[in-house]
Amino acid sequence: MELKFARVDGRGKADTDWMVYHLPYIGLWEDRRAYIIEGITAGPDSGHFIHEYLQWFRSWATLYMLKPPTTPPTTYYPRAPSERYLVRNINVLYTSFLNNYNIIEVLFIFLSLSVISS
């Protein structure tokens, strides 16, 4: 709507021809189909258009719903004693396999650690 548009009522304006007064707006209403924007249909090559639109959108929009991408943490910090116990024993098992222990020795180490920890 135009900025000069003001709400006008008919009180005290019996001699006003309202058809002439509203003629520009009636013309806009009659030509409303001329202002329909037809978008580009999505297809296999529409990625470029989407990227272009998102660049434009992010240049002026305040993003509340979309949070900036974050990288997940690479270090694990156990929170409870049971998690610390599991992480420590899994690390022992993993390093023992890397050191080429046989399965009997690995189970013995695991059982001895569980007896010591309890």
PDB file of N, CA and C in Angstrom:
ATOM      1  N   MET A   1       0.826  -1.177   0.000  1.00  0.00           N
ATOM      2  CA  MET A   1       0.000   0.000   0.000  1.00  0.00           C
ATOM      3  C   MET A   1       0.869   1.240   0.000  1.00  0.00           C
ATOM      4  N   GLU A   2       0.367   2.233  -0.578  1.00  0.00           N
ATOM      5  CA  GLU A   2       1.123   3.479  -0.649  1.00  0.00           C
ATOM      6  C   GLU A   2       1.133   4.174   0.708  1.00  0.00           C
ATOM      7  N   LEU A   3       2.157   4.973   0.928  1.00  0.00           N
ATOM      8  CA  LEU A   3       2.251   5.691   2.197  1.00  0.00           C
ATOM      9  C   LEU A   3       1.204   6.781   2.315  1.00  0.00           C
ATOM     10  N   LYS A   4       0.760   7.336   1.183  1.00  0.00           N
ATOM     11  CA  LYS A   4      -0.218   8.421   1.247  1.00  0.00           C
ATOM     12  C   LYS A   4      -1.639   7.908   1.463  1.00  0.00           C
ATOM     13  N   PHE A   5      -1.820   6.586   1.452  1.00  0.00           N
ATOM     14  CA  PHE A   5      -3.142   6.020   1.663  1.00  0.00           C
ATOM     15  C   PHE A   5      -3.580   6.306   3.089  1.00  0.00           C
ATOM     16  N   ALA A   6      -4.749   6.892   3.222  1.00  0.00           N
ATOM     17  CA  ALA A   6      -5.303   7.197   4.534  1.00  0.00           C
ATOM     18  C   ALA A   6      -6.717   6.647   4.607  1.00  0.00           C
ATOM     19  N   ARG A   7      -7.074   6.265   5.780  1.00  0.00           N
ATOM     20  CA  ARG A   7      -8.412   5.728   5.963  1.00  0.00           C
ATOM     21  C   ARG A   7      -9.414   6.878   5.852  1.00  0.00           C
ATOM     22  N   VAL A   8     -10.355   6.749   4.919  1.00  0.00           N
ATOM     23  CA  VAL A   8     -11.336   7.798   4.659  1.00  0.00           C
ATOM     24  C   VAL A   8     -12.724   7.182   4.814  1.00  0.00           C
ATOM     25  N   ASP A   9     -13.585   7.867   5.498  1.00  0.00           N
ATOM     26  CA  ASP A   9     -14.971   7.396   5.572  1.00  0.00           C
ATOM     27  C   ASP A   9     -15.884   8.422   4.901  1.00  0.00           C
ATOM     28  N   GLY A  10     -17.143   8.097   4.802  1.00  0.00           N
ATOM     29  CA  GLY A  10     -18.070   8.936   4.052  1.00  0.00           C
ATOM     30  C   GLY A  10     -18.763  10.015   4.857  1.00  0.00           C
ATOM     31  N   ARG A  11     -18.395  10.210   6.106  1.00  0.00           N
ATOM     32  CA  ARG A  11     -19.065  11.216   6.919  1.00  0.00           C
ATOM     33  C   ARG A  11     -18.738  12.625   6.416  1.00  0.00           C
ATOM     34  N   GLY A  12     -19.752  13.361   6.094  1.00  0.00           N
ATOM     35  CA  GLY A  12     -19.588  14.740   5.661  1.00  0.00           C
ATOM     36  C   GLY A  12     -19.085  14.889   4.238  1.00  0.00           C
ATOM     37  N   LYS A  13     -19.060  13.819   3.459  1.00  0.00           N
ATOM     38  CA  LYS A  13     -18.545  13.886   2.086  1.00  0.00           C
ATOM     39  C   LYS A  13     -19.569  13.290   1.124  1.00  0.00           C
ATOM     40  N   ALA A  14     -20.767  13.805   1.206  1.00  0.00           N
ATOM     41  CA  ALA A  14     -21.837  13.273   0.361  1.00  0.00           C
ATOM     42  C   ALA A  14     -21.612  13.608  -1.110  1.00  0.00           C
ATOM     43  N   ASP A  15     -20.863  14.645  -1.422  1.00  0.00           N
ATOM     44  CA  ASP A  15     -20.673  15.035  -2.815  1.00  0.00           C
ATOM     45  C   ASP A  15     -19.440  14.362  -3.454  1.00  0.00           C
ATOM     46  N   THR A  16     -18.756  13.469  -2.736  1.00  0.00           N
ATOM     47  CA  THR A  16     -17.569  12.792  -3.281  1.00  0.00           C
ATOM     48  C   THR A  16     -17.998  11.604  -4.128  1.00  0.00           C
ATOM     49  N   ASP A  17     -17.413  11.496  -5.310  1.00  0.00           N
ATOM     50  CA  ASP A  17     -17.650  10.334  -6.167  1.00  0.00           C
ATOM     51  C   ASP A  17     -16.636   9.262  -5.763  1.00  0.00           C
ATOM     52  N   TRP A  18     -17.102   8.282  -5.002  1.00  0.00           N
ATOM     53  CA  TRP A  18     -16.203   7.284  -4.438  1.00  0.00           C
ATOM     54  C   TRP A  18     -15.625   6.364  -5.503  1.00  0.00           C
ATOM     55  N   MET A  19     -16.329   6.187  -6.590  1.00  0.00           N
ATOM     56  CA  MET A  19     -15.796   5.372  -7.682  1.00  0.00           C
ATOM     57  C   MET A  19     -14.552   6.037  -8.283  1.00  0.00           C
ATOM     58  N   VAL A  20     -14.583   7.333  -8.454  1.00  0.00           N
ATOM     59  CA  VAL A  20     -13.429   8.063  -8.991  1.00  0.00           C
ATOM     60  C   VAL A  20     -12.316   8.107  -7.943  1.00  0.00           C
ATOM     61  N   TYR A  21     -12.692   8.266  -6.682  1.00  0.00           N
ATOM     62  CA  TYR A  21     -11.705   8.350  -5.607  1.00  0.00           C
ATOM     63  C   TYR A  21     -10.900   7.047  -5.498  1.00  0.00           C
ATOM     64  N   HIS A  22     -11.574   5.919  -5.626  1.00  0.00           N
ATOM     65  CA  HIS A  22     -10.923   4.613  -5.471  1.00  0.00           C
ATOM     66  C   HIS A  22     -10.480   3.998  -6.791  1.00  0.00           C
ATOM     67  N   LEU A  23     -10.584   4.723  -7.884  1.00  0.00           N
ATOM     68  CA  LEU A  23     -10.262   4.186  -9.209  1.00  0.00           C
ATOM     69  C   LEU A  23      -8.835   3.625  -9.307  1.00  0.00           C
ATOM     70  N   PRO A  24      -7.796   4.284  -8.776  1.00  0.00           N
ATOM     71  CA  PRO A  24      -6.451   3.682  -8.890  1.00  0.00           C
ATOM     72  C   PRO A  24      -6.341   2.339  -8.166  1.00  0.00           C
ATOM     73  N   TYR A  25      -6.988   2.220  -7.016  1.00  0.00           N
ATOM     74  CA  TYR A  25      -6.922   0.972  -6.252  1.00  0.00           C
ATOM     75  C   TYR A  25      -7.754  -0.115  -6.910  1.00  0.00           C
ATOM     76  N   ILE A  26      -8.860   0.264  -7.511  1.00  0.00           N
ATOM     77  CA  ILE A  26      -9.674  -0.708  -8.245  1.00  0.00           C
ATOM     78  C   ILE A  26      -8.891  -1.225  -9.447  1.00  0.00           C
ATOM     79  N   GLY A  27      -8.141  -0.344 -10.093  1.00  0.00           N
ATOM     80  CA  GLY A  27      -7.304  -0.761 -11.220  1.00  0.00           C
ATOM     81  C   GLY A  27      -6.226  -1.748 -10.786  1.00  0.00           C
ATOM     82  N   LEU A  28      -5.616  -1.480  -9.641  1.00  0.00           N
ATOM     83  CA  LEU A  28      -4.625  -2.429  -9.118  1.00  0.00           C
ATOM     84  C   LEU A  28      -5.252  -3.785  -8.821  1.00  0.00           C
ATOM     85  N   TRP A  29      -6.457  -3.742  -8.273  1.00  0.00           N
ATOM     86  CA  TRP A  29      -7.142  -4.997  -7.950  1.00  0.00           C
ATOM     87  C   TRP A  29      -7.490  -5.758  -9.223  1.00  0.00           C
ATOM     88  N   GLU A  30      -7.933  -5.067 -10.228  1.00  0.00           N
ATOM     89  CA  GLU A  30      -8.295  -5.731 -11.484  1.00  0.00           C
ATOM     90  C   GLU A  30      -7.064  -6.338 -12.175  1.00  0.00           C
ATOM     91  N   ASP A  31      -5.917  -5.704 -12.018  1.00  0.00           N
ATOM     92  CA  ASP A  31      -4.686  -6.197 -12.651  1.00  0.00           C
ATOM     93  C   ASP A  31      -3.851  -7.060 -11.705  1.00  0.00           C
ATOM     94  N   ARG A  32      -4.469  -7.610 -10.677  1.00  0.00           N
ATOM     95  CA  ARG A  32      -3.704  -8.342  -9.664  1.00  0.00           C
ATOM     96  C   ARG A  32      -3.002  -9.569 -10.232  1.00  0.00           C
ATOM     97  N   ARG A  33      -3.539 -10.174 -11.278  1.00  0.00           N
ATOM     98  CA  ARG A  33      -2.903 -11.353 -11.865  1.00  0.00           C
ATOM     99  C   ARG A  33      -1.606 -11.011 -12.602  1.00  0.00           C
ATOM    100  N   ALA A  34      -1.439  -9.748 -12.961  1.00  0.00           N
ATOM    101  CA  ALA A  34      -0.211  -9.337 -13.638  1.00  0.00           C
ATOM    102  C   ALA A  34       0.966  -9.266 -12.671  1.00  0.00           C
ATOM    103  N   TYR A  35       0.690  -9.248 -11.379  1.00  0.00           N
ATOM    104  CA  TYR A  35       1.748  -9.128 -10.383  1.00  0.00           C
ATOM    105  C   TYR A  35       2.128 -10.460  -9.743  1.00  0.00           C
ATOM    106  N   ILE A  36       1.625 -11.565 -10.278  1.00  0.00           N
ATOM    107  CA  ILE A  36       1.958 -12.881  -9.741  1.00  0.00           C
ATOM    108  C   ILE A  36       3.371 -13.238 -10.188  1.00  0.00           C
ATOM    109  N   ILE A  37       4.190 -13.631  -9.241  1.00  0.00           N
ATOM    110  CA  ILE A  37       5.568 -14.010  -9.533  1.00  0.00           C
ATOM    111  C   ILE A  37       5.621 -15.520  -9.696  1.00  0.00           C
ATOM    112  N   GLU A  38       6.139 -15.951 -10.808  1.00  0.00           N
ATOM    113  CA  GLU A  38       6.291 -17.378 -11.047  1.00  0.00           C
ATOM    114  C   GLU A  38       7.724 -17.770 -10.725  1.00  0.00           C
ATOM    115  N   GLY A  39       7.882 -18.696  -9.806  1.00  0.00           N
ATOM    116  CA  GLY A  39       9.207 -19.123  -9.380  1.00  0.00           C
ATOM    117  C   GLY A  39       9.781 -20.167 -10.311  1.00  0.00           C
ATOM    118  N   ILE A  40      11.029 -20.492 -10.063  1.00  0.00           N
ATOM    119  CA  ILE A  40      11.709 -21.528 -10.825  1.00  0.00           C
ATOM    120  C   ILE A  40      11.374 -22.862 -10.186  1.00  0.00           C
ATOM    121  N   THR A  41      10.947 -23.807 -10.993  1.00  0.00           N
ATOM    122  CA  THR A  41      10.616 -25.116 -10.449  1.00  0.00           C
ATOM    123  C   THR A  41      11.902 -25.855 -10.079  1.00  0.00           C
ATOM    124  N   ALA A  42      11.827 -26.586  -8.989  1.00  0.00           N
ATOM    125  CA  ALA A  42      13.005 -27.313  -8.511  1.00  0.00           C
ATOM    126  C   ALA A  42      13.302 -28.467  -9.449  1.00  0.00           C
ATOM    127  N   GLY A  43      14.544 -28.607  -9.773  1.00  0.00           N
ATOM    128  CA  GLY A  43      14.989 -29.682 -10.631  1.00  0.00           C
ATOM    129  C   GLY A  43      16.372 -30.136 -10.210  1.00  0.00           C
ATOM    130  N   PRO A  44      16.984 -30.991 -10.999  1.00  0.00           N
ATOM    131  CA  PRO A  44      18.308 -31.490 -10.613  1.00  0.00           C
ATOM    132  C   PRO A  44      19.385 -30.407 -10.600  1.00  0.00           C
ATOM    133  N   ASP A  45      19.183 -29.316 -11.346  1.00  0.00           N
ATOM    134  CA  ASP A  45      20.189 -28.259 -11.399  1.00  0.00           C
ATOM    135  C   ASP A  45      19.773 -27.020 -10.608  1.00  0.00           C
ATOM    136  N   SER A  46      18.820 -27.159  -9.693  1.00  0.00           N
ATOM    137  CA  SER A  46      18.337 -25.992  -8.949  1.00  0.00           C
ATOM    138  C   SER A  46      19.167 -25.702  -7.700  1.00  0.00           C
ATOM    139  N   GLY A  47      20.210 -26.471  -7.436  1.00  0.00           N
ATOM    140  CA  GLY A  47      21.054 -26.241  -6.271  1.00  0.00           C
ATOM    141  C   GLY A  47      21.710 -24.870  -6.301  1.00  0.00           C
ATOM    142  N   HIS A  48      22.083 -24.409  -7.491  1.00  0.00           N
ATOM    143  CA  HIS A  48      22.704 -23.094  -7.628  1.00  0.00           C
ATOM    144  C   HIS A  48      21.736 -21.995  -7.208  1.00  0.00           C
ATOM    145  N   PHE A  49      20.473 -22.111  -7.609  1.00  0.00           N
ATOM    146  CA  PHE A  49      19.474 -21.091  -7.272  1.00  0.00           C
ATOM    147  C   PHE A  49      19.195 -21.086  -5.772  1.00  0.00           C
ATOM    148  N   ILE A  50      19.144 -22.257  -5.176  1.00  0.00           N
ATOM    149  CA  ILE A  50      18.892 -22.343  -3.739  1.00  0.00           C
ATOM    150  C   ILE A  50      20.053 -21.724  -2.973  1.00  0.00           C
ATOM    151  N   HIS A  51      21.274 -22.031  -3.400  1.00  0.00           N
ATOM    152  CA  HIS A  51      22.457 -21.450  -2.748  1.00  0.00           C
ATOM    153  C   HIS A  51      22.461 -19.925  -2.883  1.00  0.00           C
ATOM    154  N   GLU A  52      22.116 -19.438  -4.059  1.00  0.00           N
ATOM    155  CA  GLU A  52      22.066 -17.993  -4.289  1.00  0.00           C
ATOM    156  C   GLU A  52      21.010 -17.338  -3.401  1.00  0.00           C
ATOM    157  N   TYR A  53      19.835 -17.979  -3.293  1.00  0.00           N
ATOM    158  CA  TYR A  53      18.772 -17.443  -2.458  1.00  0.00           C
ATOM    159  C   TYR A  53      19.190 -17.434  -0.983  1.00  0.00           C
ATOM    160  N   LEU A  54      19.806 -18.523  -0.515  1.00  0.00           N
ATOM    161  CA  LEU A  54      20.203 -18.578   0.885  1.00  0.00           C
ATOM    162  C   LEU A  54      21.270 -17.545   1.208  1.00  0.00           C
ATOM    163  N   GLN A  55      22.169 -17.274   0.281  1.00  0.00           N
ATOM    164  CA  GLN A  55      23.144 -16.205   0.494  1.00  0.00           C
ATOM    165  C   GLN A  55      22.435 -14.861   0.665  1.00  0.00           C
ATOM    166  N   TRP A  56      21.484 -14.594  -0.201  1.00  0.00           N
ATOM    167  CA  TRP A  56      20.728 -13.341  -0.109  1.00  0.00           C
ATOM    168  C   TRP A  56      19.946 -13.291   1.200  1.00  0.00           C
ATOM    169  N   PHE A  57      19.285 -14.386   1.552  1.00  0.00           N
ATOM    170  CA  PHE A  57      18.455 -14.426   2.749  1.00  0.00           C
ATOM    171  C   PHE A  57      19.294 -14.217   4.000  1.00  0.00           C
ATOM    172  N   ARG A  58      20.445 -14.865   4.093  1.00  0.00           N
ATOM    173  CA  ARG A  58      21.298 -14.741   5.273  1.00  0.00           C
ATOM    174  C   ARG A  58      21.968 -13.378   5.352  1.00  0.00           C
ATOM    175  N   SER A  59      22.011 -12.639   4.235  1.00  0.00           N
ATOM    176  CA  SER A  59      22.658 -11.332   4.266  1.00  0.00           C
ATOM    177  C   SER A  59      21.827 -10.307   5.035  1.00  0.00           C
ATOM    178  N   TRP A  60      20.534 -10.496   5.146  1.00  0.00           N
ATOM    179  CA  TRP A  60      19.708  -9.505   5.836  1.00  0.00           C
ATOM    180  C   TRP A  60      18.848 -10.094   6.940  1.00  0.00           C
ATOM    181  N   ALA A  61      18.655 -11.405   6.970  1.00  0.00           N
ATOM    182  CA  ALA A  61      17.734 -12.000   7.943  1.00  0.00           C
ATOM    183  C   ALA A  61      18.434 -12.253   9.266  1.00  0.00           C
ATOM    184  N   THR A  62      17.680 -12.152  10.327  1.00  0.00           N
ATOM    185  CA  THR A  62      18.154 -12.536  11.641  1.00  0.00           C
ATOM    186  C   THR A  62      17.728 -13.976  11.857  1.00  0.00           C
ATOM    187  N   LEU A  63      18.690 -14.841  12.002  1.00  0.00           N
ATOM    188  CA  LEU A  63      18.392 -16.266  12.081  1.00  0.00           C
ATOM    189  C   LEU A  63      18.178 -16.671  13.535  1.00  0.00           C
ATOM    190  N   TYR A  64      16.949 -17.002  13.840  1.00  0.00           N
ATOM    191  CA  TYR A  64      16.637 -17.487  15.172  1.00  0.00           C
ATOM    192  C   TYR A  64      16.530 -19.001  15.184  1.00  0.00           C
ATOM    193  N   MET A  65      15.947 -19.549  14.151  1.00  0.00           N
ATOM    194  CA  MET A  65      15.729 -20.988  14.105  1.00  0.00           C
ATOM    195  C   MET A  65      16.989 -21.741  13.683  1.00  0.00           C
ATOM    196  N   LEU A  66      17.757 -21.179  12.774  1.00  0.00           N
ATOM    197  CA  LEU A  66      18.944 -21.855  12.281  1.00  0.00           C
ATOM    198  C   LEU A  66      20.144 -21.422  13.110  1.00  0.00           C
ATOM    199  N   LYS A  67      20.734 -22.343  13.786  1.00  0.00           N
ATOM    200  CA  LYS A  67      21.913 -22.033  14.582  1.00  0.00           C
ATOM    201  C   LYS A  67      23.155 -22.293  13.734  1.00  0.00           C
ATOM    202  N   PRO A  68      24.239 -21.567  13.999  1.00  0.00           N
ATOM    203  CA  PRO A  68      25.445 -21.813  13.213  1.00  0.00           C
ATOM    204  C   PRO A  68      25.937 -23.235  13.429  1.00  0.00           C
ATOM    205  N   PRO A  69      26.487 -23.844  12.400  1.00  0.00           N
ATOM    206  CA  PRO A  69      26.932 -25.230  12.554  1.00  0.00           C
ATOM    207  C   PRO A  69      28.085 -25.325  13.559  1.00  0.00           C
ATOM    208  N   THR A  70      28.043 -26.354  14.378  1.00  0.00           N
ATOM    209  CA  THR A  70      29.091 -26.573  15.357  1.00  0.00           C
ATOM    210  C   THR A  70      29.719 -27.928  15.104  1.00  0.00           C
ATOM    211  N   THR A  71      30.969 -28.039  15.423  1.00  0.00           N
ATOM    212  CA  THR A  71      31.641 -29.324  15.286  1.00  0.00           C
ATOM    213  C   THR A  71      31.504 -30.078  16.597  1.00  0.00           C
ATOM    214  N   PRO A  72      31.244 -31.377  16.530  1.00  0.00           N
ATOM    215  CA  PRO A  72      31.099 -32.137  17.765  1.00  0.00           C
ATOM    216  C   PRO A  72      32.443 -32.230  18.487  1.00  0.00           C
ATOM    217  N   PRO A  73      32.423 -32.382  19.784  1.00  0.00           N
ATOM    218  CA  PRO A  73      33.689 -32.468  20.522  1.00  0.00           C
ATOM    219  C   PRO A  73      34.450 -33.740  20.139  1.00  0.00           C
ATOM    220  N   THR A  74      35.748 -33.640  20.137  1.00  0.00           N
ATOM    221  CA  THR A  74      36.575 -34.790  19.775  1.00  0.00           C
ATOM    222  C   THR A  74      37.080 -35.528  21.001  1.00  0.00           C
ATOM    223  N   THR A  75      36.946 -34.947  22.166  1.00  0.00           N
ATOM    224  CA  THR A  75      37.413 -35.563  23.398  1.00  0.00           C
ATOM    225  C   THR A  75      36.214 -35.970  24.238  1.00  0.00           C
ATOM    226  N   TYR A  76      36.304 -37.163  24.807  1.00  0.00           N
ATOM    227  CA  TYR A  76      35.222 -37.646  25.657  1.00  0.00           C
ATOM    228  C   TYR A  76      35.596 -37.409  27.118  1.00  0.00           C
ATOM    229  N   TYR A  77      34.703 -36.795  27.867  1.00  0.00           N
ATOM    230  CA  TYR A  77      34.903 -36.563  29.286  1.00  0.00           C
ATOM    231  C   TYR A  77      33.843 -37.348  30.059  1.00  0.00           C
ATOM    232  N   PRO A  78      34.237 -38.429  30.747  1.00  0.00           N
ATOM    233  CA  PRO A  78      33.242 -39.200  31.505  1.00  0.00           C
ATOM    234  C   PRO A  78      32.653 -38.365  32.632  1.00  0.00           C
ATOM    235  N   ARG A  79      31.346 -38.538  32.860  1.00  0.00           N
ATOM    236  CA  ARG A  79      30.652 -37.724  33.848  1.00  0.00           C
ATOM    237  C   ARG A  79      30.446 -38.447  35.171  1.00  0.00           C
ATOM    238  N   ALA A  80      30.354 -39.758  35.137  1.00  0.00           N
ATOM    239  CA  ALA A  80      30.063 -40.498  36.359  1.00  0.00           C
ATOM    240  C   ALA A  80      31.194 -41.488  36.635  1.00  0.00           C
ATOM    241  N   PRO A  81      31.322 -41.960  37.876  1.00  0.00           N
ATOM    242  CA  PRO A  81      32.364 -42.962  38.176  1.00  0.00           C
ATOM    243  C   PRO A  81      32.221 -44.227  37.337  1.00  0.00           C
ATOM    244  N   SER A  82      30.993 -44.632  37.076  1.00  0.00           N
ATOM    245  CA  SER A  82      30.804 -45.843  36.256  1.00  0.00           C
ATOM    246  C   SER A  82      31.301 -45.621  34.831  1.00  0.00           C
ATOM    247  N   GLU A  83      31.106 -44.416  34.292  1.00  0.00           N
ATOM    248  CA  GLU A  83      31.614 -44.130  32.949  1.00  0.00           C
ATOM    249  C   GLU A  83      33.140 -44.103  32.948  1.00  0.00           C
ATOM    250  N   ARG A  84      33.721 -43.534  34.003  1.00  0.00           N
ATOM    251  CA  ARG A  84      35.186 -43.516  34.092  1.00  0.00           C
ATOM    252  C   ARG A  84      35.749 -44.933  34.151  1.00  0.00           C
ATOM    253  N   TYR A  85      35.072 -45.780  34.909  1.00  0.00           N
ATOM    254  CA  TYR A  85      35.487 -47.178  35.031  1.00  0.00           C
ATOM    255  C   TYR A  85      35.434 -47.879  33.674  1.00  0.00           C
ATOM    256  N   LEU A  86      34.331 -47.698  32.971  1.00  0.00           N
ATOM    257  CA  LEU A  86      34.199 -48.337  31.659  1.00  0.00           C
ATOM    258  C   LEU A  86      35.233 -47.821  30.665  1.00  0.00           C
ATOM    259  N   VAL A  87      35.445 -46.531  30.644  1.00  0.00           N
ATOM    260  CA  VAL A  87      36.413 -45.964  29.709  1.00  0.00           C
ATOM    261  C   VAL A  87      37.818 -46.464  30.021  1.00  0.00           C
ATOM    262  N   ARG A  88      38.156 -46.506  31.305  1.00  0.00           N
ATOM    263  CA  ARG A  88      39.489 -46.969  31.689  1.00  0.00           C
ATOM    264  C   ARG A  88      39.686 -48.435  31.295  1.00  0.00           C
ATOM    265  N   ASN A  89      38.695 -49.293  31.549  1.00  0.00           N
ATOM    266  CA  ASN A  89      38.828 -50.707  31.215  1.00  0.00           C
ATOM    267  C   ASN A  89      38.806 -50.948  29.716  1.00  0.00           C
ATOM    268  N   ILE A  90      38.011 -50.183  28.998  1.00  0.00           N
ATOM    269  CA  ILE A  90      38.006 -50.332  27.539  1.00  0.00           C
ATOM    270  C   ILE A  90      39.352 -49.919  26.967  1.00  0.00           C
ATOM    271  N   ASN A  91      39.934 -48.867  27.525  1.00  0.00           N
ATOM    272  CA  ASN A  91      41.268 -48.456  27.075  1.00  0.00           C
ATOM    273  C   ASN A  91      42.305 -49.522  27.376  1.00  0.00           C
ATOM    274  N   VAL A  92      42.210 -50.164  28.533  1.00  0.00           N
ATOM    275  CA  VAL A  92      43.149 -51.240  28.875  1.00  0.00           C
ATOM    276  C   VAL A  92      42.991 -52.404  27.907  1.00  0.00           C
ATOM    277  N   LEU A  93      41.766 -52.788  27.630  1.00  0.00           N
ATOM    278  CA  LEU A  93      41.524 -53.881  26.687  1.00  0.00           C
ATOM    279  C   LEU A  93      42.048 -53.539  25.292  1.00  0.00           C
ATOM    280  N   TYR A  94      41.792 -52.322  24.867  1.00  0.00           N
ATOM    281  CA  TYR A  94      42.223 -51.902  23.536  1.00  0.00           C
ATOM    282  C   TYR A  94      43.746 -51.905  23.422  1.00  0.00           C
ATOM    283  N   THR A  95      44.410 -51.339  24.417  1.00  0.00           N
ATOM    284  CA  THR A  95      45.881 -51.318  24.360  1.00  0.00           C
ATOM    285  C   THR A  95      46.462 -52.707  24.504  1.00  0.00           C
ATOM    286  N   SER A  96      45.806 -53.579  25.265  1.00  0.00           N
ATOM    287  CA  SER A  96      46.319 -54.945  25.385  1.00  0.00           C
ATOM    288  C   SER A  96      46.198 -55.702  24.072  1.00  0.00           C
ATOM    289  N   PHE A  97      45.149 -55.483  23.341  1.00  0.00           N
ATOM    290  CA  PHE A  97      45.046 -56.104  22.029  1.00  0.00           C
ATOM    291  C   PHE A  97      46.103 -55.552  21.086  1.00  0.00           C
ATOM    292  N   LEU A  98      46.379 -54.264  21.197  1.00  0.00           N
ATOM    293  CA  LEU A  98      47.411 -53.680  20.350  1.00  0.00           C
ATOM    294  C   LEU A  98      48.790 -54.230  20.681  1.00  0.00           C
ATOM    295  N   ASN A  99      48.986 -54.605  21.924  1.00  0.00           N
ATOM    296  CA  ASN A  99      50.283 -55.152  22.333  1.00  0.00           C
ATOM    297  C   ASN A  99      50.372 -56.658  22.107  1.00  0.00           C
ATOM    298  N   ASN A 100      49.391 -57.220  21.408  1.00  0.00           N
ATOM    299  CA  ASN A 100      49.376 -58.639  20.997  1.00  0.00           C
ATOM    300  C   ASN A 100      49.326 -59.614  22.166  1.00  0.00           C
ATOM    301  N   TYR A 101      48.564 -59.288  23.198  1.00  0.00           N
ATOM    302  CA  TYR A 101      48.318 -60.274  24.245  1.00  0.00           C
ATOM    303  C   TYR A 101      47.339 -61.297  23.703  1.00  0.00           C
ATOM    304  N   ASN A 102      47.388 -62.490  24.253  1.00  0.00           N
ATOM    305  CA  ASN A 102      46.371 -63.457  23.863  1.00  0.00           C
ATOM    306  C   ASN A 102      45.116 -63.210  24.695  1.00  0.00           C
ATOM    307  N   ILE A 103      44.039 -63.866  24.333  1.00  0.00           N
ATOM    308  CA  ILE A 103      42.731 -63.585  24.933  1.00  0.00           C
ATOM    309  C   ILE A 103      42.693 -63.945  26.418  1.00  0.00           C
ATOM    310  N   ILE A 104      43.403 -64.971  26.832  1.00  0.00           N
ATOM    311  CA  ILE A 104      43.418 -65.373  28.239  1.00  0.00           C
ATOM    312  C   ILE A 104      44.053 -64.271  29.088  1.00  0.00           C
ATOM    313  N   GLU A 105      45.148 -63.719  28.634  1.00  0.00           N
ATOM    314  CA  GLU A 105      45.810 -62.655  29.374  1.00  0.00           C
ATOM    315  C   GLU A 105      44.941 -61.403  29.447  1.00  0.00           C
ATOM    316  N   VAL A 106      44.232 -61.100  28.347  1.00  0.00           N
ATOM    317  CA  VAL A 106      43.357 -59.929  28.328  1.00  0.00           C
ATOM    318  C   VAL A 106      42.213 -60.098  29.316  1.00  0.00           C
ATOM    319  N   LEU A 107      41.587 -61.268  29.332  1.00  0.00           N
ATOM    320  CA  LEU A 107      40.494 -61.511  30.288  1.00  0.00           C
ATOM    321  C   LEU A 107      41.008 -61.475  31.722  1.00  0.00           C
ATOM    322  N   PHE A 108      42.186 -61.993  31.952  1.00  0.00           N
ATOM    323  CA  PHE A 108      42.763 -61.955  33.300  1.00  0.00           C
ATOM    324  C   PHE A 108      42.986 -60.500  33.744  1.00  0.00           C
ATOM    325  N   ILE A 109      43.504 -59.684  32.850  1.00  0.00           N
ATOM    326  CA  ILE A 109      43.725 -58.270  33.183  1.00  0.00           C
ATOM    327  C   ILE A 109      42.392 -57.578  33.459  1.00  0.00           C
ATOM    328  N   PHE A 110      41.402 -57.854  32.629  1.00  0.00           N
ATOM    329  CA  PHE A 110      40.088 -57.233  32.814  1.00  0.00           C
ATOM    330  C   PHE A 110      39.473 -57.638  34.150  1.00  0.00           C
ATOM    331  N   LEU A 111      39.545 -58.940  34.466  1.00  0.00           N
ATOM    332  CA  LEU A 111      38.969 -59.418  35.735  1.00  0.00           C
ATOM    333  C   LEU A 111      39.733 -58.872  36.931  1.00  0.00           C
ATOM    334  N   SER A 112      41.040 -58.785  36.815  1.00  0.00           N
ATOM    335  CA  SER A 112      41.809 -58.245  37.937  1.00  0.00           C
ATOM    336  C   SER A 112      41.515 -56.771  38.161  1.00  0.00           C
ATOM    337  N   LEU A 113      41.301 -56.025  37.081  1.00  0.00           N
ATOM    338  CA  LEU A 113      40.936 -54.609  37.225  1.00  0.00           C
ATOM    339  C   LEU A 113      39.556 -54.446  37.831  1.00  0.00           C
ATOM    340  N   SER A 114      38.628 -55.322  37.473  1.00  0.00           N
ATOM    341  CA  SER A 114      37.277 -55.201  38.025  1.00  0.00           C
ATOM    342  C   SER A 114      37.263 -55.562  39.501  1.00  0.00           C
ATOM    343  N   VAL A 115      38.132 -56.514  39.919  1.00  0.00           N
ATOM    344  CA  VAL A 115      38.199 -56.876  41.345  1.00  0.00           C
ATOM    345  C   VAL A 115      38.857 -55.739  42.127  1.00  0.00           C
ATOM    346  N   ILE A 116      39.888 -55.129  41.555  1.00  0.00           N
ATOM    347  CA  ILE A 116      40.582 -54.039  42.233  1.00  0.00           C
ATOM    348  C   ILE A 116      39.681 -52.818  42.376  1.00  0.00           C
ATOM    349  N   SER A 117      38.898 -52.534  41.339  1.00  0.00           N
ATOM    350  CA  SER A 117      38.048 -51.341  41.348  1.00  0.00           C
ATOM    351  C   SER A 117      36.866 -51.471  42.287  1.00  0.00           C
ATOM    352  N   SER A 118      36.428 -52.712  42.563  1.00  0.00           N
ATOM    353  CA  SER A 118      35.230 -52.853  43.396  1.00  0.00           C
ATOM    354  C   SER A 118      35.523 -52.951  44.847  1.00  0.00           C
TER     355      SER A 118
END
